[in-house]
N, C-alpha and C. Protein backbone atom coordinates (compact mmCIF):
# COMPACT_ATOMS: atom_id res chain seq x y z
N MET A 1 98.38 105.96 -22.02
CA MET A 1 98.93 104.90 -21.23
C MET A 1 99.90 105.45 -20.17
N LEU A 2 99.64 105.12 -18.95
CA LEU A 2 100.47 105.76 -17.89
C LEU A 2 101.74 104.93 -17.72
N THR A 3 102.80 105.57 -17.30
CA THR A 3 104.05 104.85 -16.98
C THR A 3 103.99 104.33 -15.57
N ARG A 4 104.88 103.37 -15.22
CA ARG A 4 104.86 102.85 -13.88
C ARG A 4 104.91 103.94 -12.84
N LYS A 5 105.83 104.90 -13.06
CA LYS A 5 106.04 106.03 -12.15
C LYS A 5 104.76 106.87 -11.96
N GLN A 6 104.04 107.16 -13.06
CA GLN A 6 102.71 107.83 -13.01
C GLN A 6 101.70 107.03 -12.27
N LYS A 7 101.70 105.77 -12.51
CA LYS A 7 100.79 104.92 -11.71
C LYS A 7 101.04 104.94 -10.21
N GLU A 8 102.33 104.80 -9.85
CA GLU A 8 102.73 104.84 -8.53
C GLU A 8 102.33 106.15 -7.79
N LYS A 9 102.42 107.26 -8.58
CA LYS A 9 102.13 108.60 -8.18
C LYS A 9 100.56 108.60 -7.85
N VAL A 10 99.86 108.14 -8.88
CA VAL A 10 98.26 108.13 -8.76
C VAL A 10 97.94 107.31 -7.47
N VAL A 11 98.54 106.12 -7.18
CA VAL A 11 98.20 105.34 -6.03
C VAL A 11 98.53 106.08 -4.84
N GLU A 12 99.76 106.75 -4.80
CA GLU A 12 100.20 107.52 -3.59
C GLU A 12 99.11 108.74 -3.33
N GLU A 13 98.75 109.38 -4.35
CA GLU A 13 97.80 110.60 -4.20
C GLU A 13 96.51 110.10 -3.73
N GLU A 14 95.92 109.04 -4.27
CA GLU A 14 94.61 108.51 -3.89
C GLU A 14 94.63 107.91 -2.51
N SER A 15 95.80 107.28 -2.17
CA SER A 15 95.91 106.77 -0.71
C SER A 15 95.88 107.90 0.27
N LYS A 16 96.50 109.08 -0.04
CA LYS A 16 96.43 110.22 0.84
C LYS A 16 95.03 110.73 0.98
N ARG A 17 94.28 110.84 -0.26
CA ARG A 17 92.93 111.26 -0.10
C ARG A 17 92.07 110.39 0.69
N LEU A 18 92.26 109.01 0.53
CA LEU A 18 91.57 108.01 1.30
C LEU A 18 91.78 108.20 2.86
N LYS A 19 93.05 108.46 3.23
CA LYS A 19 93.25 108.72 4.63
C LYS A 19 92.54 109.91 5.19
N GLU A 20 92.26 110.99 4.28
CA GLU A 20 91.68 112.12 4.76
C GLU A 20 90.09 112.05 4.73
N ALA A 21 89.62 111.04 4.08
CA ALA A 21 88.17 110.87 3.87
C ALA A 21 87.49 110.07 4.95
N LYS A 22 86.20 110.37 5.14
CA LYS A 22 85.31 109.53 5.97
C LYS A 22 84.53 108.57 5.17
N THR A 23 84.20 109.02 3.91
CA THR A 23 83.23 108.36 3.10
C THR A 23 83.72 108.19 1.68
N LEU A 24 83.43 107.05 1.00
CA LEU A 24 83.64 106.79 -0.41
C LEU A 24 82.41 106.39 -1.06
N ILE A 25 82.11 107.07 -2.16
CA ILE A 25 80.88 106.65 -2.97
C ILE A 25 81.39 106.27 -4.35
N PHE A 26 81.17 105.07 -4.87
CA PHE A 26 81.51 104.72 -6.18
C PHE A 26 80.40 104.90 -7.22
N THR A 27 80.80 105.55 -8.30
CA THR A 27 79.75 105.76 -9.27
C THR A 27 80.18 105.23 -10.66
N ASP A 28 79.23 105.05 -11.53
CA ASP A 28 79.50 104.80 -13.00
C ASP A 28 79.06 105.96 -13.83
N PHE A 29 80.05 106.65 -14.44
CA PHE A 29 79.65 107.93 -15.05
C PHE A 29 79.57 107.73 -16.64
N THR A 30 79.37 106.60 -17.11
CA THR A 30 79.30 106.21 -18.56
C THR A 30 78.14 107.18 -19.09
N GLY A 31 78.50 107.85 -20.13
CA GLY A 31 77.50 108.74 -20.81
C GLY A 31 77.38 110.12 -20.31
N LEU A 32 78.18 110.41 -19.17
CA LEU A 32 78.15 111.68 -18.54
C LEU A 32 79.08 112.70 -19.39
N THR A 33 78.52 113.88 -19.64
CA THR A 33 79.43 114.78 -20.38
C THR A 33 80.34 115.47 -19.38
N SER A 34 81.40 116.15 -19.89
CA SER A 34 82.31 116.81 -18.97
C SER A 34 81.66 117.96 -18.22
N ASN A 35 80.70 118.70 -18.90
CA ASN A 35 79.99 119.82 -18.24
C ASN A 35 79.26 119.30 -17.00
N GLU A 36 78.58 118.12 -17.18
CA GLU A 36 77.77 117.45 -16.17
C GLU A 36 78.76 117.03 -14.95
N ALA A 37 79.87 116.44 -15.32
CA ALA A 37 80.77 116.09 -14.36
C ALA A 37 81.30 117.24 -13.50
N ASN A 38 81.51 118.35 -14.20
CA ASN A 38 81.91 119.64 -13.50
C ASN A 38 80.79 120.16 -12.59
N ILE A 39 79.59 119.91 -12.90
CA ILE A 39 78.39 120.29 -12.08
C ILE A 39 78.47 119.50 -10.79
N LEU A 40 78.67 118.16 -10.91
CA LEU A 40 78.81 117.19 -9.79
C LEU A 40 80.02 117.69 -8.92
N ARG A 41 81.18 117.95 -9.55
CA ARG A 41 82.35 118.37 -8.81
C ARG A 41 82.17 119.59 -8.02
N LYS A 42 81.36 120.61 -8.62
CA LYS A 42 81.16 121.87 -7.90
C LYS A 42 80.27 121.57 -6.76
N SER A 43 79.19 120.81 -6.82
CA SER A 43 78.33 120.57 -5.65
C SER A 43 79.10 119.74 -4.66
N LEU A 44 79.95 118.83 -5.01
CA LEU A 44 80.66 118.05 -3.98
C LEU A 44 81.80 118.99 -3.28
N ARG A 45 82.27 119.94 -4.06
CA ARG A 45 83.33 120.84 -3.49
C ARG A 45 82.80 121.65 -2.28
N GLU A 46 81.33 121.92 -2.39
CA GLU A 46 80.84 122.54 -1.19
C GLU A 46 80.92 121.82 0.12
N LEU A 47 80.95 120.49 -0.08
CA LEU A 47 81.07 119.60 1.10
C LEU A 47 82.48 119.36 1.47
N GLY A 48 83.39 119.78 0.60
CA GLY A 48 84.78 119.62 0.87
C GLY A 48 85.26 118.17 0.23
N ALA A 49 84.36 117.69 -0.68
CA ALA A 49 84.61 116.38 -1.33
C ALA A 49 85.26 116.45 -2.62
N LYS A 50 85.89 115.37 -3.07
CA LYS A 50 86.50 115.41 -4.36
C LYS A 50 85.93 114.23 -5.20
N TYR A 51 85.64 114.51 -6.53
CA TYR A 51 85.26 113.41 -7.39
C TYR A 51 86.51 113.11 -8.29
N ARG A 52 86.87 111.85 -8.20
CA ARG A 52 88.08 111.48 -9.04
C ARG A 52 87.71 110.22 -9.92
N VAL A 53 88.26 110.22 -11.05
CA VAL A 53 88.16 109.04 -11.95
C VAL A 53 89.53 108.42 -11.95
N ILE A 54 89.47 107.15 -11.60
CA ILE A 54 90.66 106.23 -11.38
C ILE A 54 90.47 104.97 -12.00
N LYS A 55 91.56 104.50 -12.62
CA LYS A 55 91.56 103.10 -13.25
C LYS A 55 91.13 102.13 -12.20
N LYS A 56 90.43 101.21 -12.60
CA LYS A 56 89.94 100.19 -11.56
C LYS A 56 91.03 99.41 -10.87
N ARG A 57 92.13 99.03 -11.77
CA ARG A 57 93.21 98.31 -11.07
C ARG A 57 93.90 99.16 -10.10
N LEU A 58 94.06 100.47 -10.27
CA LEU A 58 94.84 101.29 -9.38
C LEU A 58 93.95 101.47 -8.16
N LEU A 59 92.58 101.70 -8.33
CA LEU A 59 91.75 101.88 -7.23
C LEU A 59 91.71 100.56 -6.34
N GLY A 60 91.70 99.40 -7.07
CA GLY A 60 91.89 98.19 -6.27
C GLY A 60 93.04 98.07 -5.42
N ILE A 61 94.18 98.58 -5.85
CA ILE A 61 95.38 98.72 -5.09
C ILE A 61 95.28 99.45 -3.88
N VAL A 62 94.70 100.71 -4.08
CA VAL A 62 94.49 101.71 -2.91
C VAL A 62 93.63 101.10 -1.88
N LEU A 63 92.44 100.55 -2.34
CA LEU A 63 91.53 99.99 -1.42
C LEU A 63 92.19 98.78 -0.64
N LYS A 64 92.90 97.94 -1.31
CA LYS A 64 93.53 96.81 -0.68
C LYS A 64 94.57 97.28 0.39
N GLU A 65 95.28 98.31 0.06
CA GLU A 65 96.25 98.88 0.96
C GLU A 65 95.64 99.30 2.35
N HIS A 66 94.37 99.82 2.22
CA HIS A 66 93.71 100.33 3.44
C HIS A 66 92.75 99.32 4.07
N GLY A 67 92.76 98.03 3.54
CA GLY A 67 92.03 96.96 4.10
C GLY A 67 90.42 97.07 3.96
N ILE A 68 90.18 97.81 2.85
CA ILE A 68 88.73 97.90 2.52
C ILE A 68 88.33 96.78 1.57
N GLY A 69 87.29 95.95 2.06
CA GLY A 69 86.96 94.73 1.39
C GLY A 69 85.96 94.83 0.26
N ILE A 70 86.38 95.64 -0.73
CA ILE A 70 85.58 95.65 -2.00
C ILE A 70 86.65 95.68 -3.11
N GLY A 71 86.36 94.74 -4.07
CA GLY A 71 87.21 94.68 -5.23
C GLY A 71 86.84 95.66 -6.35
N ALA A 72 87.79 96.48 -6.78
CA ALA A 72 87.46 97.41 -7.85
C ALA A 72 86.84 96.72 -9.06
N LYS A 73 87.21 95.41 -9.26
CA LYS A 73 86.80 94.70 -10.49
C LYS A 73 85.22 94.40 -10.30
N ASP A 74 84.70 94.39 -9.13
CA ASP A 74 83.35 94.18 -8.83
C ASP A 74 82.46 95.31 -9.38
N LEU A 75 83.11 96.56 -9.48
CA LEU A 75 82.40 97.70 -9.93
C LEU A 75 82.23 97.65 -11.48
N LYS A 76 81.04 97.88 -11.88
CA LYS A 76 80.85 97.86 -13.35
C LYS A 76 80.89 99.25 -14.04
N GLY A 77 81.30 99.29 -15.22
CA GLY A 77 81.31 100.52 -16.04
C GLY A 77 82.61 101.36 -15.76
N GLN A 78 82.46 102.68 -16.15
CA GLN A 78 83.61 103.52 -15.82
C GLN A 78 83.41 104.21 -14.42
N VAL A 79 84.39 103.91 -13.66
CA VAL A 79 84.30 104.13 -12.21
C VAL A 79 84.87 105.56 -11.87
N GLY A 80 83.95 106.28 -11.14
CA GLY A 80 84.43 107.52 -10.46
C GLY A 80 84.34 107.40 -9.01
N VAL A 81 85.07 108.08 -8.20
CA VAL A 81 85.02 107.88 -6.82
C VAL A 81 84.91 109.22 -6.14
N VAL A 82 84.03 109.26 -5.18
CA VAL A 82 83.72 110.54 -4.34
C VAL A 82 84.52 110.25 -3.02
N PHE A 83 85.52 111.11 -2.78
CA PHE A 83 86.17 111.09 -1.46
C PHE A 83 85.68 112.23 -0.58
N SER A 84 85.04 111.93 0.42
CA SER A 84 84.33 112.96 1.26
C SER A 84 84.83 112.92 2.72
N PRO A 85 85.06 114.14 3.23
CA PRO A 85 85.44 114.21 4.68
C PRO A 85 84.06 114.26 5.50
N GLU A 86 82.87 114.33 4.87
CA GLU A 86 81.64 114.28 5.55
C GLU A 86 81.18 112.92 5.79
N GLY A 87 80.14 112.68 6.57
CA GLY A 87 79.60 111.38 6.78
C GLY A 87 78.79 110.89 5.57
N MET A 88 78.35 109.70 5.57
CA MET A 88 77.64 109.08 4.42
C MET A 88 76.32 109.81 4.21
N PRO A 89 75.51 110.09 5.15
CA PRO A 89 74.19 110.78 4.75
C PRO A 89 74.35 112.09 3.91
N GLU A 90 75.32 112.97 4.40
CA GLU A 90 75.48 114.23 3.75
C GLU A 90 76.04 114.00 2.29
N THR A 91 77.05 113.20 2.13
CA THR A 91 77.58 112.92 0.79
C THR A 91 76.59 112.28 0.00
N ALA A 92 75.95 111.19 0.49
CA ALA A 92 74.99 110.45 -0.33
C ALA A 92 73.92 111.33 -0.83
N GLY A 93 73.46 112.24 0.03
CA GLY A 93 72.47 113.19 -0.40
C GLY A 93 72.83 114.09 -1.58
N THR A 94 73.99 114.56 -1.67
CA THR A 94 74.52 115.33 -2.76
C THR A 94 74.57 114.48 -4.02
N VAL A 95 75.21 113.34 -3.85
CA VAL A 95 75.31 112.43 -5.02
C VAL A 95 73.93 111.97 -5.51
N PHE A 96 72.98 111.63 -4.59
CA PHE A 96 71.75 111.17 -4.99
C PHE A 96 70.97 112.26 -5.69
N LYS A 97 70.99 113.43 -5.24
CA LYS A 97 70.33 114.52 -5.99
C LYS A 97 70.78 114.69 -7.43
N PHE A 98 72.12 114.55 -7.59
CA PHE A 98 72.72 114.60 -8.96
C PHE A 98 72.17 113.38 -9.76
N PHE A 99 72.20 112.20 -9.10
CA PHE A 99 71.73 110.90 -9.67
C PHE A 99 70.30 111.03 -10.18
N LYS A 100 69.35 111.52 -9.31
CA LYS A 100 67.95 111.78 -9.71
C LYS A 100 67.79 112.54 -10.98
N GLU A 101 68.61 113.54 -11.24
CA GLU A 101 68.43 114.37 -12.34
C GLU A 101 69.05 113.70 -13.56
N ARG A 102 69.86 112.76 -13.55
CA ARG A 102 70.58 112.17 -14.64
C ARG A 102 70.55 110.57 -14.52
N VAL A 103 69.44 110.07 -14.29
CA VAL A 103 69.35 108.51 -14.01
C VAL A 103 69.91 107.67 -15.20
N LEU A 104 69.70 108.15 -16.41
CA LEU A 104 70.22 107.37 -17.55
C LEU A 104 71.67 107.39 -17.78
N LYS A 105 72.33 108.43 -17.32
CA LYS A 105 73.74 108.69 -17.56
C LYS A 105 74.62 108.33 -16.37
N PHE A 106 74.06 108.31 -15.17
CA PHE A 106 74.93 108.36 -13.95
C PHE A 106 74.27 107.20 -13.02
N LYS A 107 75.19 106.37 -12.49
CA LYS A 107 74.74 105.40 -11.58
C LYS A 107 75.45 105.38 -10.36
N ILE A 108 74.85 105.13 -9.18
CA ILE A 108 75.59 104.88 -7.96
C ILE A 108 75.80 103.43 -7.83
N LEU A 109 77.16 103.06 -7.53
CA LEU A 109 77.47 101.60 -7.51
C LEU A 109 77.59 101.10 -6.07
N GLY A 110 77.79 102.02 -5.13
CA GLY A 110 77.99 101.57 -3.73
C GLY A 110 78.84 102.56 -2.97
N GLY A 111 79.16 102.25 -1.77
CA GLY A 111 80.01 103.14 -0.95
C GLY A 111 80.70 102.44 0.19
N VAL A 112 81.47 103.23 0.82
CA VAL A 112 82.17 102.70 1.98
C VAL A 112 82.23 103.79 3.15
N GLU A 113 81.91 103.41 4.32
CA GLU A 113 82.19 104.23 5.57
C GLU A 113 83.54 103.74 6.04
N ILE A 114 84.55 104.68 5.88
CA ILE A 114 85.92 104.20 6.07
C ILE A 114 86.22 103.93 7.53
N ALA A 115 85.71 104.70 8.45
CA ALA A 115 85.95 104.44 9.91
C ALA A 115 85.66 103.03 10.32
N GLU A 116 84.43 102.65 9.92
CA GLU A 116 84.10 101.24 10.30
C GLU A 116 84.42 100.18 9.17
N LYS A 117 84.97 100.77 8.07
CA LYS A 117 85.27 99.78 6.91
C LYS A 117 84.07 99.05 6.38
N LYS A 118 82.87 99.78 6.52
CA LYS A 118 81.50 99.18 6.19
C LYS A 118 81.25 99.48 4.74
N VAL A 119 81.21 98.33 4.03
CA VAL A 119 80.90 98.44 2.59
C VAL A 119 79.25 98.52 2.48
N MET A 120 78.84 99.48 1.70
CA MET A 120 77.40 99.67 1.50
C MET A 120 77.00 99.39 0.10
N THR A 121 75.83 98.72 -0.13
CA THR A 121 75.35 98.43 -1.47
C THR A 121 74.83 99.80 -2.11
N LYS A 122 74.50 99.61 -3.36
CA LYS A 122 73.89 100.71 -4.15
C LYS A 122 72.63 101.10 -3.52
N GLU A 123 71.83 100.20 -3.06
CA GLU A 123 70.51 100.47 -2.53
C GLU A 123 70.61 101.22 -1.18
N GLU A 124 71.62 100.83 -0.37
CA GLU A 124 71.82 101.41 0.91
C GLU A 124 72.21 103.03 0.75
N VAL A 125 73.10 103.13 -0.24
CA VAL A 125 73.56 104.53 -0.46
C VAL A 125 72.49 105.36 -1.02
N GLU A 126 71.64 104.78 -1.98
CA GLU A 126 70.53 105.51 -2.52
C GLU A 126 69.52 105.82 -1.46
N MET A 127 69.20 104.94 -0.50
CA MET A 127 68.21 105.16 0.67
C MET A 127 68.76 106.25 1.44
N LEU A 128 70.10 106.24 1.90
CA LEU A 128 70.57 107.36 2.70
C LEU A 128 70.46 108.66 1.97
N GLY A 129 70.78 108.60 0.64
CA GLY A 129 70.67 109.90 -0.15
C GLY A 129 69.39 110.50 -0.22
N SER A 130 68.32 109.59 -0.14
CA SER A 130 67.01 110.10 -0.31
C SER A 130 66.26 110.63 0.82
N LEU A 131 67.06 110.44 2.01
CA LEU A 131 66.49 111.05 3.23
C LEU A 131 66.59 112.44 3.25
N PRO A 132 65.67 113.22 3.93
CA PRO A 132 65.72 114.62 4.05
C PRO A 132 66.93 115.08 5.00
N PRO A 133 67.42 116.25 4.92
CA PRO A 133 68.50 116.71 5.79
C PRO A 133 68.11 116.56 7.31
N ARG A 134 69.22 116.46 8.05
CA ARG A 134 69.03 116.27 9.57
C ARG A 134 68.08 117.31 10.22
N GLU A 135 68.17 118.52 9.74
CA GLU A 135 67.32 119.59 10.41
C GLU A 135 65.90 119.32 10.14
N VAL A 136 65.60 118.84 8.86
CA VAL A 136 64.23 118.49 8.55
C VAL A 136 63.73 117.45 9.43
N LEU A 137 64.53 116.34 9.50
CA LEU A 137 64.12 115.20 10.33
C LEU A 137 63.94 115.63 11.81
N LEU A 138 64.72 116.38 12.27
CA LEU A 138 64.59 116.89 13.65
C LEU A 138 63.26 117.75 13.84
N GLY A 139 62.94 118.43 12.88
CA GLY A 139 61.72 119.26 12.85
C GLY A 139 60.51 118.34 12.87
N GLN A 140 60.63 117.36 12.02
CA GLN A 140 59.48 116.41 11.98
C GLN A 140 59.28 115.63 13.32
N LEU A 141 60.44 115.27 13.89
CA LEU A 141 60.40 114.66 15.19
C LEU A 141 59.83 115.55 16.25
N ALA A 142 60.17 116.72 16.33
CA ALA A 142 59.65 117.65 17.29
C ALA A 142 58.14 117.90 17.09
N TYR A 143 57.66 117.93 15.75
CA TYR A 143 56.32 118.09 15.50
C TYR A 143 55.42 116.81 16.01
N MET A 144 56.03 115.68 15.76
CA MET A 144 55.38 114.41 16.12
C MET A 144 55.37 114.23 17.69
N LEU A 145 56.32 114.74 18.39
CA LEU A 145 56.35 114.67 19.84
C LEU A 145 55.42 115.71 20.41
N GLY A 146 55.22 116.80 19.85
CA GLY A 146 54.25 117.77 20.26
C GLY A 146 52.81 117.58 19.92
N SER A 147 52.61 116.81 19.03
CA SER A 147 51.30 116.51 18.44
C SER A 147 50.32 115.90 19.46
N PRO A 148 50.56 115.02 20.40
CA PRO A 148 49.65 114.52 21.34
C PRO A 148 49.23 115.66 22.33
N ILE A 149 50.25 116.60 22.66
CA ILE A 149 49.87 117.67 23.61
C ILE A 149 49.00 118.60 22.95
N ARG A 150 49.13 118.94 21.65
CA ARG A 150 48.27 119.78 20.97
C ARG A 150 46.85 119.24 20.87
N MET A 151 46.75 117.97 20.60
CA MET A 151 45.37 117.29 20.54
C MET A 151 44.76 117.27 21.90
N PHE A 152 45.46 117.08 23.01
CA PHE A 152 44.94 117.10 24.34
C PHE A 152 44.51 118.59 24.67
N MET A 153 45.21 119.57 24.25
CA MET A 153 44.73 120.95 24.51
C MET A 153 43.54 121.28 23.74
N PHE A 154 43.46 120.72 22.49
CA PHE A 154 42.30 121.02 21.63
C PHE A 154 41.01 120.41 22.36
N VAL A 155 41.19 119.25 22.84
CA VAL A 155 40.05 118.51 23.52
C VAL A 155 39.60 119.33 24.77
N LEU A 156 40.51 119.77 25.49
CA LEU A 156 40.24 120.54 26.75
C LEU A 156 39.56 121.91 26.37
N ASN A 157 40.01 122.49 25.33
CA ASN A 157 39.52 123.80 24.86
C ASN A 157 37.98 123.50 24.32
N GLU A 158 37.74 122.51 23.62
CA GLU A 158 36.37 122.21 23.12
C GLU A 158 35.35 121.83 24.28
N LYS A 159 36.06 121.10 25.23
CA LYS A 159 35.21 120.73 26.41
C LYS A 159 34.79 121.92 27.16
N SER A 160 35.67 122.94 27.31
CA SER A 160 35.31 124.12 28.00
C SER A 160 34.27 125.02 27.30
N LYS A 161 34.16 124.84 26.10
CA LYS A 161 33.17 125.61 25.22
C LYS A 161 31.69 124.98 25.52
N VAL A 162 31.73 123.65 25.84
CA VAL A 162 30.40 122.98 25.87
C VAL A 162 29.72 123.43 27.12
N LYS A 163 30.23 123.76 28.24
CA LYS A 163 29.61 124.10 29.51
C LYS A 163 28.91 125.40 29.40
């Protein structure tokens, strides 16, 4: 049981983290072992993100202080929060990869893009997380844009062989 002073300190620390973050992702870690949680923390550390377990009531206070329209009581299970300085696609990708490996033990509950104060559903976060990295998408786009030119060159090449 935390004392009032300890609770105030937790709210102060998490408010500071929230000010530095661009993205929040809420998770339910029920059934997750401490070793698995450490694996998640390590992968998030590479992004500069932190994974914190916070009591729902204290999380609600922190979110309310910053005008984020999601109630911590709306979140089901044991809540962990990812505070990330990166955008939602990068952070969601890392969390989704971990989620895919541990579907029965770990759930994504939703997220928030702090700059816009945009609350995202579980489905939206999972969809963003399942997208390939930006570089892969740009490569696919370049291939698609070059495809008509390649087909045209193929037709010209075949036509020149016929004569």
